[in-house]
Amino acid sequence: MTNPIIKIVNVTTGEEIERQMNSKELKTYEAEQLIRQNLAAEQTAKEEARSAAEAKLIELGLTTEDLKALLG
């Protein structure tokens, strides 16, 4: 398997170099990807929990206006 390509740009000269990531860069990249996935999963879980809570409150008879006043 080949490593992902990294692009390095020298802003002073405009020189661009594309090469495969070295092992350290690849480990950092993979760790950052894992963090992004975890953050996205946490955000999705929060949104689903909020939607479920709102649905339960509506089932109890609260109106949309009541929910806005409660949840902002």
Protein backbone atom coordinates (compact mmCIF):
# COMPACT_ATOMS: atom_id res chain seq x y z
CA MET A 1 0.00 0.00 0.00
CA THR A 2 1.31 3.43 -0.85
CA ASN A 3 1.10 6.30 1.58
CA PRO A 4 -1.09 9.32 0.82
CA ILE A 5 0.47 12.16 -1.13
CA ILE A 6 1.50 15.33 0.69
CA LYS A 7 1.96 18.65 -1.09
CA ILE A 8 4.53 21.13 0.19
CA VAL A 9 4.40 24.69 -1.15
CA ASN A 10 7.17 27.23 -0.64
CA VAL A 11 5.17 30.46 -0.52
CA THR A 12 8.24 32.58 -1.18
CA THR A 13 9.34 30.87 -4.38
CA GLY A 14 6.05 29.21 -5.38
CA GLU A 15 7.86 25.87 -5.65
CA GLU A 16 5.54 22.89 -5.13
CA ILE A 17 6.69 19.43 -4.15
CA GLU A 18 4.40 16.39 -4.04
CA ARG A 19 5.58 13.21 -2.36
CA GLN A 20 4.35 10.32 -0.29
CA MET A 21 3.98 10.91 3.44
CA ASN A 22 6.75 9.49 5.55
CA SER A 23 5.88 7.18 8.45
CA LYS A 24 5.73 9.98 11.05
CA GLU A 25 3.47 12.13 8.86
CA LEU A 26 1.27 9.12 8.16
CA LYS A 27 0.86 8.35 11.87
CA THR A 28 -0.07 11.98 12.55
CA TYR A 29 -2.51 11.98 9.63
CA GLU A 30 -4.16 8.76 10.82
CA ALA A 31 -4.43 10.07 14.40
CA GLU A 32 -6.05 13.29 13.15
CA GLN A 33 -8.49 11.30 11.01
CA LEU A 34 -9.46 9.21 14.05
CA ILE A 35 -10.02 12.37 16.12
CA ARG A 36 -12.22 13.84 13.35
CA GLN A 37 -14.25 10.62 13.15
CA ASN A 38 -14.74 10.56 16.92
CA LEU A 39 -15.81 14.20 16.98
CA ALA A 40 -18.28 13.60 14.16
CA ALA A 41 -19.69 10.55 15.95
CA GLU A 42 -20.05 12.53 19.19
CA GLN A 43 -21.82 15.36 17.35
CA THR A 44 -24.19 12.91 15.66
CA ALA A 45 -24.96 11.24 18.99
CA LYS A 46 -25.71 14.61 20.59
CA GLU A 47 -28.01 15.60 17.73
CA GLU A 48 -29.84 12.26 17.89
CA ALA A 49 -30.24 12.53 21.67
CA ARG A 50 -31.59 16.07 21.34
CA SER A 51 -34.06 15.01 18.65
CA ALA A 52 -35.22 12.07 20.77
CA ALA A 53 -35.67 14.32 23.80
CA GLU A 54 -37.62 16.85 21.75
CA ALA A 55 -39.86 14.07 20.39
CA LYS A 56 -40.57 12.84 23.92
CA LEU A 57 -41.46 16.35 25.06
CA ILE A 58 -43.81 16.76 22.11
CA GLU A 59 -45.45 13.43 23.02
CA LEU A 60 -46.03 14.86 26.50
CA GLY A 61 -47.98 17.71 24.95
CA LEU A 62 -45.46 20.51 24.70
CA THR A 63 -45.82 22.80 21.69
CA THR A 64 -43.08 24.03 19.37
CA GLU A 65 -43.18 27.35 21.22
CA ASP A 66 -42.73 25.55 24.54
CA LEU A 67 -39.70 23.71 23.18
CA LYS A 68 -38.19 26.96 21.88
CA ALA A 69 -38.64 28.56 25.29
CA LEU A 70 -37.11 25.54 27.03
CA LEU A 71 -34.25 24.75 24.68
CA GLY A 72 -33.53 28.07 23.04
